[in-house]
Amino acid sequence: MPAMGGLDVVRHLKNGKHLPVIVIVTAYDQHAVQAFEAGAIDYLLKPVGQERLSQAVERARRVTDRQAIERIAHLQEIAEPPAGARTRRIVGKVGEEYFLLSAGEIYAFQAEGDLVWIVTAKRKYLATQTLKELELRLRNTSFRRIHRNALINVDHVRKMSALSSQRWLITMNNDQEYVASKRQARTVRDLLTW
């Protein structure tokens, strides 16, 4: 490299805000200690075999996953209100971007298997918490569980239609519809007096 060596680049990157995951690949073994001190997670000597390369990639993936989890936890700490205060923000994800959403702009949370979607007027976000965790966090707000797969914001309910004595169709302001389960029929009846 004409301007600086690989270790110089790593040291230069270390001064930045977010250090990427670094794997050094070289023909020289004498710089391994310096590479690890500079922040590399692995040091491969050429020629690199397929198995060794796969191990390095897997190690990099684990580090990246751990960093992502730490960033999400940090965002949730920022969004988490002090004890007893009203919830301020919910973390939602679209692609590789994270959004801090106010509880008031959220219409519903809808679970699909292991995924939980945050539904707003304009788009859907992937939640970073389970439906149960969100329900606990939002217990003193206008969110109510109407189905094992749905938690709705009653401030955005447009109408409720009885399907039977124990089943309700709930229509939100964005025209999305949710069927309340028999188990949650009482919760839905309570919404009528909300």
N, C-alpha and C. Protein backbone atom coordinates (compact mmCIF):
# COMPACT_ATOMS: atom_id res chain seq x y z
N MET A 1 0.86 -1.17 0.00
CA MET A 1 0.00 0.00 0.00
C MET A 1 0.91 1.24 0.00
N PRO A 2 0.70 2.15 -0.91
CA PRO A 2 1.64 3.26 -1.09
C PRO A 2 1.67 4.27 0.05
N ALA A 3 0.55 4.71 0.58
CA ALA A 3 0.54 5.79 1.57
C ALA A 3 0.84 5.31 2.97
N MET A 4 0.26 4.19 3.38
CA MET A 4 0.48 3.65 4.72
C MET A 4 0.27 2.15 4.69
N GLY A 5 0.82 1.46 5.68
CA GLY A 5 0.65 0.01 5.77
C GLY A 5 -0.68 -0.36 6.39
N GLY A 6 -1.01 -1.65 6.36
CA GLY A 6 -2.27 -2.15 6.89
C GLY A 6 -2.47 -1.83 8.37
N LEU A 7 -1.40 -1.99 9.17
CA LEU A 7 -1.52 -1.66 10.59
C LEU A 7 -1.74 -0.18 10.81
N ASP A 8 -1.14 0.67 9.96
CA ASP A 8 -1.38 2.11 10.06
C ASP A 8 -2.85 2.43 9.78
N VAL A 9 -3.42 1.74 8.80
CA VAL A 9 -4.84 1.94 8.49
C VAL A 9 -5.70 1.55 9.68
N VAL A 10 -5.41 0.40 10.30
CA VAL A 10 -6.18 -0.05 11.46
C VAL A 10 -6.06 0.97 12.59
N ARG A 11 -4.86 1.44 12.86
CA ARG A 11 -4.66 2.45 13.92
C ARG A 11 -5.43 3.73 13.60
N HIS A 12 -5.43 4.12 12.33
CA HIS A 12 -6.15 5.32 11.92
C HIS A 12 -7.66 5.13 12.11
N LEU A 13 -8.17 3.96 11.76
CA LEU A 13 -9.59 3.66 11.94
C LEU A 13 -9.98 3.67 13.42
N LYS A 14 -9.05 3.25 14.27
CA LYS A 14 -9.33 3.15 15.71
C LYS A 14 -9.65 4.52 16.31
N ASN A 15 -9.18 5.59 15.67
CA ASN A 15 -9.47 6.94 16.15
C ASN A 15 -10.89 7.38 15.81
N GLY A 16 -11.55 6.64 14.93
CA GLY A 16 -12.92 6.97 14.52
C GLY A 16 -13.92 6.55 15.58
N LYS A 17 -15.19 6.85 15.32
CA LYS A 17 -16.26 6.57 16.27
C LYS A 17 -16.58 5.08 16.36
N HIS A 18 -16.72 4.41 15.22
CA HIS A 18 -17.08 3.00 15.20
C HIS A 18 -16.00 2.22 14.46
N LEU A 19 -15.34 1.33 15.14
CA LEU A 19 -14.30 0.51 14.54
C LEU A 19 -14.95 -0.68 13.84
N PRO A 20 -14.67 -0.88 12.55
CA PRO A 20 -15.23 -2.05 11.87
C PRO A 20 -14.54 -3.32 12.36
N VAL A 21 -15.12 -4.45 12.03
CA VAL A 21 -14.50 -5.73 12.36
C VAL A 21 -13.32 -5.93 11.40
N ILE A 22 -12.15 -6.19 11.95
CA ILE A 22 -10.93 -6.24 11.13
C ILE A 22 -10.28 -7.61 11.24
N VAL A 23 -9.98 -8.19 10.07
CA VAL A 23 -9.23 -9.44 9.97
C VAL A 23 -8.01 -9.11 9.10
N ILE A 24 -6.84 -9.32 9.61
CA ILE A 24 -5.60 -9.07 8.86
C ILE A 24 -5.22 -10.33 8.09
N VAL A 25 -4.95 -10.16 6.79
CA VAL A 25 -4.47 -11.26 5.95
C VAL A 25 -3.13 -10.81 5.38
N THR A 26 -2.08 -11.54 5.69
CA THR A 26 -0.73 -11.13 5.30
C THR A 26 0.18 -12.35 5.12
N ALA A 27 1.31 -12.10 4.49
CA ALA A 27 2.31 -13.15 4.33
C ALA A 27 3.34 -13.10 5.46
N TYR A 28 3.22 -12.13 6.35
CA TYR A 28 4.23 -11.92 7.40
C TYR A 28 3.65 -12.23 8.78
N ASP A 29 4.34 -13.08 9.55
CA ASP A 29 3.83 -13.45 10.87
C ASP A 29 4.35 -12.56 12.00
N GLN A 30 5.30 -11.68 11.73
CA GLN A 30 5.92 -10.90 12.81
C GLN A 30 5.05 -9.75 13.33
N HIS A 31 3.93 -9.45 12.67
CA HIS A 31 3.11 -8.30 13.10
C HIS A 31 1.82 -8.71 13.81
N ALA A 32 1.69 -9.97 14.15
CA ALA A 32 0.44 -10.47 14.74
C ALA A 32 0.09 -9.75 16.04
N VAL A 33 1.04 -9.63 16.94
CA VAL A 33 0.77 -8.98 18.23
C VAL A 33 0.32 -7.54 18.02
N GLN A 34 1.01 -6.83 17.13
CA GLN A 34 0.63 -5.44 16.84
C GLN A 34 -0.78 -5.37 16.24
N ALA A 35 -1.11 -6.33 15.40
CA ALA A 35 -2.44 -6.34 14.79
C ALA A 35 -3.53 -6.50 15.84
N PHE A 36 -3.33 -7.42 16.77
CA PHE A 36 -4.33 -7.61 17.83
C PHE A 36 -4.40 -6.40 18.75
N GLU A 37 -3.26 -5.80 19.05
CA GLU A 37 -3.25 -4.59 19.89
C GLU A 37 -3.97 -3.44 19.19
N ALA A 38 -3.88 -3.40 17.86
CA ALA A 38 -4.54 -2.35 17.09
C ALA A 38 -6.05 -2.56 16.98
N GLY A 39 -6.52 -3.80 17.24
CA GLY A 39 -7.96 -4.04 17.22
C GLY A 39 -8.43 -5.13 16.27
N ALA A 40 -7.52 -5.80 15.60
CA ALA A 40 -7.92 -6.89 14.70
C ALA A 40 -8.47 -8.06 15.52
N ILE A 41 -9.45 -8.78 14.94
CA ILE A 41 -10.02 -9.93 15.66
C ILE A 41 -9.40 -11.25 15.21
N ASP A 42 -8.67 -11.20 14.08
CA ASP A 42 -8.00 -12.41 13.60
C ASP A 42 -6.82 -12.00 12.72
N TYR A 43 -5.89 -12.94 12.54
CA TYR A 43 -4.67 -12.70 11.78
C TYR A 43 -4.40 -13.93 10.95
N LEU A 44 -4.56 -13.84 9.63
CA LEU A 44 -4.41 -14.98 8.75
C LEU A 44 -3.11 -14.87 7.96
N LEU A 45 -2.39 -15.99 7.88
CA LEU A 45 -1.16 -16.03 7.10
C LEU A 45 -1.44 -16.65 5.74
N LYS A 46 -0.91 -16.00 4.69
CA LYS A 46 -1.05 -16.52 3.34
C LYS A 46 -0.13 -17.71 3.14
N PRO A 47 -0.48 -18.67 2.37
CA PRO A 47 -1.77 -18.84 1.70
C PRO A 47 -2.84 -19.28 2.70
N VAL A 48 -4.01 -18.75 2.56
CA VAL A 48 -5.11 -19.02 3.49
C VAL A 48 -5.97 -20.15 2.94
N GLY A 49 -6.17 -21.19 3.75
CA GLY A 49 -7.03 -22.30 3.36
C GLY A 49 -8.50 -21.96 3.56
N GLN A 50 -9.37 -22.67 2.88
CA GLN A 50 -10.82 -22.42 2.96
C GLN A 50 -11.35 -22.57 4.38
N GLU A 51 -10.92 -23.60 5.10
CA GLU A 51 -11.42 -23.83 6.45
C GLU A 51 -11.00 -22.70 7.40
N ARG A 52 -9.76 -22.27 7.28
CA ARG A 52 -9.28 -21.19 8.15
C ARG A 52 -9.99 -19.87 7.83
N LEU A 53 -10.22 -19.62 6.55
CA LEU A 53 -10.95 -18.42 6.16
C LEU A 53 -12.38 -18.46 6.69
N SER A 54 -13.02 -19.62 6.61
CA SER A 54 -14.39 -19.77 7.15
C SER A 54 -14.43 -19.50 8.64
N GLN A 55 -13.42 -19.95 9.37
CA GLN A 55 -13.36 -19.70 10.82
C GLN A 55 -13.26 -18.19 11.09
N ALA A 56 -12.43 -17.49 10.32
CA ALA A 56 -12.27 -16.05 10.50
C ALA A 56 -13.56 -15.31 10.19
N VAL A 57 -14.24 -15.72 9.13
CA VAL A 57 -15.51 -15.08 8.77
C VAL A 57 -16.56 -15.32 9.85
N GLU A 58 -16.61 -16.54 10.37
CA GLU A 58 -17.57 -16.85 11.44
C GLU A 58 -17.27 -16.04 12.69
N ARG A 59 -16.00 -15.90 13.03
CA ARG A 59 -15.61 -15.07 14.19
C ARG A 59 -16.04 -13.62 13.97
N ALA A 60 -15.82 -13.11 12.78
CA ALA A 60 -16.23 -11.74 12.45
C ALA A 60 -17.74 -11.58 12.55
N ARG A 61 -18.48 -12.60 12.08
CA ARG A 61 -19.95 -12.56 12.16
C ARG A 61 -20.42 -12.51 13.62
N ARG A 62 -19.80 -13.32 14.47
CA ARG A 62 -20.18 -13.33 15.90
C ARG A 62 -19.92 -11.97 16.54
N VAL A 63 -18.77 -11.38 16.22
CA VAL A 63 -18.44 -10.07 16.77
C VAL A 63 -19.43 -9.02 16.27
N THR A 64 -19.76 -9.07 14.99
CA THR A 64 -20.71 -8.13 14.41
C THR A 64 -22.09 -8.28 15.06
N ASP A 65 -22.54 -9.52 15.24
CA ASP A 65 -23.83 -9.77 15.89
C ASP A 65 -23.83 -9.23 17.31
N ARG A 66 -22.75 -9.46 18.05
CA ARG A 66 -22.65 -8.96 19.42
C ARG A 66 -22.67 -7.43 19.45
N GLN A 67 -21.97 -6.80 18.50
CA GLN A 67 -21.96 -5.34 18.44
C GLN A 67 -23.36 -4.80 18.13
N ALA A 68 -24.08 -5.48 17.24
CA ALA A 68 -25.45 -5.05 16.91
C ALA A 68 -26.35 -5.16 18.13
N ILE A 69 -26.22 -6.25 18.88
CA ILE A 69 -27.02 -6.42 20.09
C ILE A 69 -26.70 -5.32 21.10
N GLU A 70 -25.42 -5.00 21.23
CA GLU A 70 -25.02 -3.93 22.17
C GLU A 70 -25.58 -2.59 21.73
N ARG A 71 -25.59 -2.31 20.40
CA ARG A 71 -26.15 -1.05 19.91
C ARG A 71 -27.65 -0.98 20.17
N ILE A 72 -28.36 -2.10 19.96
CA ILE A 72 -29.79 -2.14 20.23
C ILE A 72 -30.06 -1.91 21.71
N ALA A 73 -29.27 -2.56 22.57
CA ALA A 73 -29.44 -2.38 24.02
C ALA A 73 -29.21 -0.92 24.39
N HIS A 74 -28.21 -0.30 23.77
CA HIS A 74 -27.93 1.11 24.05
C HIS A 74 -29.11 1.98 23.60
N LEU A 75 -29.66 1.71 22.41
CA LEU A 75 -30.82 2.47 21.94
C LEU A 75 -32.01 2.30 22.88
N GLN A 76 -32.20 1.06 23.38
CA GLN A 76 -33.31 0.83 24.29
C GLN A 76 -33.10 1.55 25.61
N GLU A 77 -31.83 1.66 26.06
CA GLU A 77 -31.55 2.43 27.28
C GLU A 77 -31.89 3.90 27.07
N ILE A 78 -31.56 4.42 25.89
CA ILE A 78 -31.88 5.82 25.57
C ILE A 78 -33.40 6.00 25.56
N ALA A 79 -34.09 5.04 24.96
CA ALA A 79 -35.54 5.13 24.81
C ALA A 79 -36.29 4.83 26.10
N GLU A 80 -35.66 4.13 27.02
CA GLU A 80 -36.32 3.68 28.25
C GLU A 80 -36.50 4.86 29.21
N PRO A 81 -37.70 5.11 29.67
CA PRO A 81 -37.94 6.21 30.60
C PRO A 81 -37.52 5.82 32.02
N PRO A 82 -37.38 6.82 32.90
CA PRO A 82 -37.12 6.49 34.30
C PRO A 82 -38.28 5.71 34.89
N ALA A 83 -38.04 4.98 35.97
CA ALA A 83 -39.08 4.16 36.60
C ALA A 83 -40.30 5.01 36.93
N GLY A 84 -41.49 4.51 36.57
CA GLY A 84 -42.74 5.20 36.86
C GLY A 84 -43.13 6.23 35.81
N ALA A 85 -42.24 6.57 34.88
CA ALA A 85 -42.56 7.57 33.87
C ALA A 85 -43.20 6.89 32.65
N ARG A 86 -43.86 7.67 31.84
CA ARG A 86 -44.51 7.15 30.64
C ARG A 86 -43.44 6.80 29.60
N THR A 87 -43.66 5.74 28.84
CA THR A 87 -42.72 5.31 27.81
C THR A 87 -42.58 6.38 26.75
N ARG A 88 -41.34 6.72 26.42
CA ARG A 88 -41.12 7.78 25.44
C ARG A 88 -40.90 7.23 24.04
N ARG A 89 -40.04 6.24 23.88
CA ARG A 89 -39.66 5.79 22.55
C ARG A 89 -39.62 4.27 22.46
N ILE A 90 -39.93 3.77 21.27
CA ILE A 90 -39.83 2.35 20.96
C ILE A 90 -38.85 2.24 19.79
N VAL A 91 -37.95 1.27 19.86
CA VAL A 91 -36.96 1.09 18.80
C VAL A 91 -37.52 0.19 17.71
N GLY A 92 -37.51 0.69 16.47
CA GLY A 92 -37.94 -0.07 15.30
C GLY A 92 -36.82 -0.11 14.28
N LYS A 93 -36.82 -1.14 13.45
CA LYS A 93 -35.74 -1.32 12.48
C LYS A 93 -36.30 -1.49 11.08
N VAL A 94 -35.66 -0.85 10.11
CA VAL A 94 -35.93 -1.05 8.69
C VAL A 94 -34.57 -1.23 8.03
N GLY A 95 -34.33 -2.41 7.49
CA GLY A 95 -33.01 -2.69 6.91
C GLY A 95 -31.95 -2.63 7.99
N GLU A 96 -30.94 -1.82 7.78
CA GLU A 96 -29.86 -1.67 8.76
C GLU A 96 -30.02 -0.39 9.60
N GLU A 97 -31.17 0.30 9.46
CA GLU A 97 -31.40 1.54 10.19
C GLU A 97 -32.34 1.31 11.37
N TYR A 98 -32.08 2.01 12.46
CA TYR A 98 -32.89 1.94 13.66
C TYR A 98 -33.60 3.27 13.85
N PHE A 99 -34.88 3.20 14.20
CA PHE A 99 -35.69 4.39 14.38
C PHE A 99 -36.24 4.42 15.80
N LEU A 100 -36.25 5.61 16.41
CA LEU A 100 -36.86 5.79 17.72
C LEU A 100 -38.26 6.36 17.48
N LEU A 101 -39.28 5.56 17.77
CA LEU A 101 -40.67 5.92 17.51
C LEU A 101 -41.35 6.31 18.80
N SER A 102 -42.19 7.33 18.74
CA SER A 102 -42.98 7.67 19.92
C SER A 102 -44.15 6.70 20.01
N ALA A 103 -44.56 6.39 21.22
CA ALA A 103 -45.66 5.44 21.42
C ALA A 103 -46.93 5.95 20.76
N GLY A 104 -47.14 7.25 20.74
CA GLY A 104 -48.35 7.82 20.17
C GLY A 104 -48.49 7.62 18.68
N GLU A 105 -47.38 7.48 17.95
CA GLU A 105 -47.48 7.29 16.50
C GLU A 105 -47.67 5.83 16.11
N ILE A 106 -47.58 4.93 17.08
CA ILE A 106 -47.71 3.51 16.80
C ILE A 106 -49.18 3.10 16.90
N TYR A 107 -49.68 2.44 15.85
CA TYR A 107 -51.05 1.95 15.83
C TYR A 107 -51.17 0.59 16.50
N ALA A 108 -50.19 -0.28 16.21
CA ALA A 108 -50.28 -1.65 16.75
C ALA A 108 -48.92 -2.34 16.66
N PHE A 109 -48.82 -3.41 17.41
CA PHE A 109 -47.71 -4.36 17.31
C PHE A 109 -48.34 -5.68 16.89
N GLN A 110 -47.77 -6.30 15.87
CA GLN A 110 -48.34 -7.56 15.38
C GLN A 110 -47.24 -8.60 15.25
N ALA A 111 -47.43 -9.73 15.92
CA ALA A 111 -46.45 -10.81 15.88
C ALA A 111 -46.75 -11.74 14.72
N GLU A 112 -45.69 -12.15 14.04
CA GLU A 112 -45.76 -13.16 12.98
C GLU A 112 -44.63 -14.13 13.23
N GLY A 113 -44.94 -15.22 13.90
CA GLY A 113 -43.89 -16.17 14.28
C GLY A 113 -42.96 -15.53 15.30
N ASP A 114 -41.66 -15.52 15.02
CA ASP A 114 -40.69 -14.91 15.93
C ASP A 114 -40.52 -13.41 15.71
N LEU A 115 -41.13 -12.88 14.65
CA LEU A 115 -40.99 -11.46 14.34
C LEU A 115 -42.14 -10.67 14.94
N VAL A 116 -41.85 -9.44 15.35
CA VAL A 116 -42.90 -8.52 15.81
C VAL A 116 -42.78 -7.27 14.96
N TRP A 117 -43.90 -6.90 14.34
CA TRP A 117 -43.94 -5.71 13.49
C TRP A 117 -44.56 -4.55 14.25
N ILE A 118 -44.00 -3.38 14.06
CA ILE A 118 -44.57 -2.14 14.59
C ILE A 118 -45.31 -1.49 13.44
N VAL A 119 -46.60 -1.26 13.61
CA VAL A 119 -47.43 -0.70 12.54
C VAL A 119 -47.72 0.77 12.86
N THR A 120 -47.36 1.66 11.94
CA THR A 120 -47.68 3.09 12.07
C THR A 120 -48.58 3.47 10.90
N ALA A 121 -48.92 4.72 10.80
CA ALA A 121 -49.79 5.18 9.72
C ALA A 121 -49.17 4.98 8.35
N LYS A 122 -47.83 5.12 8.26
CA LYS A 122 -47.19 5.11 6.95
C LYS A 122 -46.35 3.89 6.63
N ARG A 123 -45.85 3.17 7.65
CA ARG A 123 -44.98 2.03 7.34
C ARG A 123 -44.92 1.05 8.49
N LYS A 124 -44.27 -0.08 8.23
CA LYS A 124 -44.05 -1.10 9.25
C LYS A 124 -42.56 -1.16 9.57
N TYR A 125 -42.27 -1.37 10.85
CA TYR A 125 -40.90 -1.51 11.33
C TYR A 125 -40.78 -2.85 12.03
N LEU A 126 -39.60 -3.40 12.03
CA LEU A 126 -39.34 -4.61 12.79
C LEU A 126 -39.00 -4.21 14.21
N ALA A 127 -39.70 -4.78 15.19
CA ALA A 127 -39.44 -4.46 16.60
C ALA A 127 -38.18 -5.17 17.07
N THR A 128 -37.53 -4.58 18.07
CA THR A 128 -36.32 -5.17 18.65
C THR A 128 -36.63 -5.88 19.96
N GLN A 129 -37.92 -5.93 20.33
CA GLN A 129 -38.34 -6.61 21.55
C GLN A 129 -39.49 -7.55 21.21
N THR A 130 -39.74 -8.51 22.10
CA THR A 130 -40.85 -9.43 21.90
C THR A 130 -42.16 -8.71 22.22
N LEU A 131 -43.27 -9.31 21.80
CA LEU A 131 -44.58 -8.73 22.09
C LEU A 131 -44.83 -8.68 23.59
N LYS A 132 -44.40 -9.71 24.30
CA LYS A 132 -44.58 -9.74 25.76
C LYS A 132 -43.78 -8.62 26.43
N GLU A 133 -42.54 -8.41 25.99
CA GLU A 133 -41.73 -7.33 26.56
C GLU A 133 -42.36 -5.97 26.28
N LEU A 134 -42.89 -5.80 25.08
CA LEU A 134 -43.54 -4.54 24.73
C LEU A 134 -44.80 -4.32 25.55
N GLU A 135 -45.57 -5.39 25.75
CA GLU A 135 -46.79 -5.29 26.55
C GLU A 135 -46.45 -4.86 27.98
N LEU A 136 -45.43 -5.45 28.56
CA LEU A 136 -45.01 -5.07 29.92
C LEU A 136 -44.56 -3.62 29.96
N ARG A 137 -43.80 -3.23 28.98
CA ARG A 137 -43.27 -1.87 28.94
C ARG A 137 -44.38 -0.83 28.75
N LEU A 138 -45.45 -1.23 28.05
CA LEU A 138 -46.54 -0.30 27.73
C LEU A 138 -47.77 -0.51 28.60
N ARG A 139 -47.63 -1.18 29.73
CA ARG A 139 -48.78 -1.57 30.54
C ARG A 139 -49.59 -0.40 31.08
N ASN A 140 -48.99 0.75 31.29
CA ASN A 140 -49.73 1.89 31.83
C ASN A 140 -50.03 2.93 30.76
N THR A 141 -50.17 2.48 29.51
CA THR A 141 -50.44 3.39 28.40
C THR A 141 -51.75 2.98 27.74
N SER A 142 -51.99 3.50 26.56
CA SER A 142 -53.23 3.19 25.85
C SER A 142 -53.14 1.93 24.99
N PHE A 143 -52.11 1.11 25.18
CA PHE A 143 -51.99 -0.14 24.43
C PHE A 143 -52.70 -1.26 25.17
N ARG A 144 -53.45 -2.09 24.42
CA ARG A 144 -54.17 -3.22 24.99
C ARG A 144 -53.94 -4.46 24.14
N ARG A 145 -53.81 -5.58 24.81
CA ARG A 145 -53.67 -6.88 24.13
C ARG A 145 -55.05 -7.31 23.69
N ILE A 146 -55.22 -7.60 22.40
CA ILE A 146 -56.52 -8.07 21.91
C ILE A 146 -56.43 -9.49 21.34
N HIS A 147 -55.23 -9.98 21.21
CA HIS A 147 -55.00 -11.32 20.66
C HIS A 147 -53.59 -11.70 21.09
N ARG A 148 -53.29 -12.99 21.09
CA ARG A 148 -51.93 -13.37 21.48
C ARG A 148 -50.90 -12.83 20.50
N ASN A 149 -51.36 -12.45 19.29
CA ASN A 149 -50.46 -11.92 18.26
C ASN A 149 -50.61 -10.42 18.04
N ALA A 150 -51.42 -9.73 18.84
CA ALA A 150 -51.65 -8.31 18.57
C ALA A 150 -51.82 -7.49 19.83
N LEU A 151 -51.20 -6.34 19.80
CA LEU A 151 -51.28 -5.33 20.84
C LEU A 151 -51.62 -4.04 20.11
N ILE A 152 -52.75 -3.40 20.46
CA ILE A 152 -53.18 -2.21 19.71
C ILE A 152 -53.17 -0.97 20.59
N ASN A 153 -53.06 0.18 19.92
CA ASN A 153 -53.16 1.47 20.59
C ASN A 153 -54.61 1.92 20.47
N VAL A 154 -55.34 1.93 21.57
CA VAL A 154 -56.77 2.26 21.52
C VAL A 154 -57.02 3.70 21.06
N ASP A 155 -56.01 4.55 21.13
CA ASP A 155 -56.16 5.93 20.63
C ASP A 155 -56.32 5.97 19.12
N HIS A 156 -55.99 4.88 18.42
CA HIS A 156 -56.08 4.83 16.96
C HIS A 156 -57.19 3.88 16.48
N VAL A 157 -58.09 3.46 17.37
CA VAL A 157 -59.20 2.60 16.97
C VAL A 157 -60.30 3.47 16.36
N ARG A 158 -60.72 3.12 15.15
CA ARG A 158 -61.80 3.86 14.50
C ARG A 158 -63.15 3.25 14.84
N LYS A 159 -63.25 1.89 14.73
CA LYS A 159 -64.53 1.25 15.05
C LYS A 159 -64.30 -0.18 15.51
N MET A 160 -65.33 -0.68 16.20
CA MET A 160 -65.33 -2.06 16.68
C MET A 160 -66.65 -2.67 16.26
N SER A 161 -66.58 -3.86 15.66
CA SER A 161 -67.78 -4.54 15.19
C SER A 161 -67.84 -5.92 15.84
N ALA A 162 -69.00 -6.25 16.41
CA ALA A 162 -69.17 -7.56 17.03
C ALA A 162 -69.34 -8.61 15.94
N LEU A 163 -68.47 -9.62 15.96
CA LEU A 163 -68.59 -10.75 15.03
C LEU A 163 -69.45 -11.84 15.65
N SER A 164 -69.40 -11.92 16.97
CA SER A 164 -70.22 -12.84 17.76
C SER A 164 -70.22 -12.27 19.17
N SER A 165 -70.79 -13.01 20.11
CA SER A 165 -70.81 -12.49 21.48
C SER A 165 -69.41 -12.43 22.10
N GLN A 166 -68.48 -13.17 21.53
CA GLN A 166 -67.13 -13.18 22.10
C GLN A 166 -66.03 -12.84 21.10
N ARG A 167 -66.39 -12.41 19.92
CA ARG A 167 -65.36 -12.07 18.93
C ARG A 167 -65.66 -10.69 18.34
N TRP A 168 -64.61 -9.90 18.20
CA TRP A 168 -64.74 -8.54 17.71
C TRP A 168 -63.79 -8.28 16.57
N LEU A 169 -64.22 -7.45 15.63
CA LEU A 169 -63.37 -6.96 14.56
C LEU A 169 -63.04 -5.50 14.90
N ILE A 170 -61.78 -5.22 15.03
CA ILE A 170 -61.34 -3.88 15.38
C ILE A 170 -60.68 -3.25 14.17
N THR A 171 -61.18 -2.07 13.76
CA THR A 171 -60.64 -1.35 12.62
C THR A 171 -59.89 -0.13 13.13
N MET A 172 -58.64 0.00 12.68
CA MET A 172 -57.79 1.11 13.10
C MET A 172 -57.97 2.30 12.14
N ASN A 173 -57.44 3.45 12.51
CA ASN A 173 -57.54 4.65 11.67
C ASN A 173 -56.86 4.47 10.31
N ASN A 174 -55.92 3.55 10.20
CA ASN A 174 -55.25 3.30 8.92
C ASN A 174 -55.94 2.18 8.13
N ASP A 175 -57.16 1.82 8.54
CA ASP A 175 -57.99 0.78 7.91
C ASP A 175 -57.49 -0.64 8.12
N GLN A 176 -56.45 -0.83 8.89
CA GLN A 176 -56.00 -2.18 9.20
C GLN A 176 -56.98 -2.78 10.21
N GLU A 177 -57.28 -4.07 10.03
CA GLU A 177 -58.26 -4.74 10.87
C GLU A 177 -57.60 -5.85 11.68
N TYR A 178 -58.08 -6.00 12.90
CA TYR A 178 -57.61 -7.06 13.80
C TYR A 178 -58.82 -7.76 14.39
N VAL A 179 -58.76 -9.06 14.48
CA VAL A 179 -59.82 -9.83 15.13
C VAL A 179 -59.36 -10.12 16.55
N ALA A 180 -60.19 -9.71 17.52
CA ALA A 180 -59.87 -9.97 18.92
C ALA A 180 -60.25 -11.41 19.26
N SER A 181 -59.39 -12.05 20.03
CA SER A 181 -59.63 -13.44 20.39
C SER A 181 -60.71 -13.55 21.47
N LYS A 182 -61.28 -14.75 21.60
CA LYS A 182 -62.28 -14.98 22.65
C LYS A 182 -61.69 -14.69 24.02
N ARG A 183 -60.43 -15.08 24.21
CA ARG A 183 -59.76 -14.88 25.50
C ARG A 183 -59.68 -13.40 25.86
N GLN A 184 -59.57 -12.54 24.85
CA GLN A 184 -59.43 -11.10 25.11
C GLN A 184 -60.75 -10.34 24.94
N ALA A 185 -61.86 -11.06 24.87
CA ALA A 185 -63.17 -10.41 24.67
C ALA A 185 -63.46 -9.37 25.75
N ARG A 186 -63.11 -9.67 26.99
CA ARG A 186 -63.37 -8.72 28.07
C ARG A 186 -62.56 -7.44 27.88
N THR A 187 -61.29 -7.58 27.45
CA THR A 187 -60.46 -6.41 27.19
C THR A 187 -61.12 -5.53 26.13
N VAL A 188 -61.66 -6.16 25.10
CA VAL A 188 -62.31 -5.41 24.03
C VAL A 188 -63.57 -4.72 24.55
N ARG A 189 -64.37 -5.42 25.35
CA ARG A 189 -65.57 -4.79 25.93
C ARG A 189 -65.18 -3.59 26.79
N ASP A 190 -64.07 -3.71 27.49
CA ASP A 190 -63.59 -2.59 28.32
C ASP A 190 -63.22 -1.39 27.47
N LEU A 191 -62.81 -1.64 26.21
CA LEU A 191 -62.47 -0.53 25.32
C LEU A 191 -63.68 0.34 25.04
N LEU A 192 -64.86 -0.26 25.07
CA LEU A 192 -66.08 0.49 24.79
C LEU A 192 -66.35 1.55 25.87
N THR A 193 -65.80 1.34 27.05
CA THR A 193 -65.97 2.32 28.13
C THR A 193 -64.72 3.15 28.34
N TRP A 194 -63.72 2.97 27.53
CA TRP A 194 -62.43 3.65 27.66
C TRP A 194 -62.55 5.12 27.58
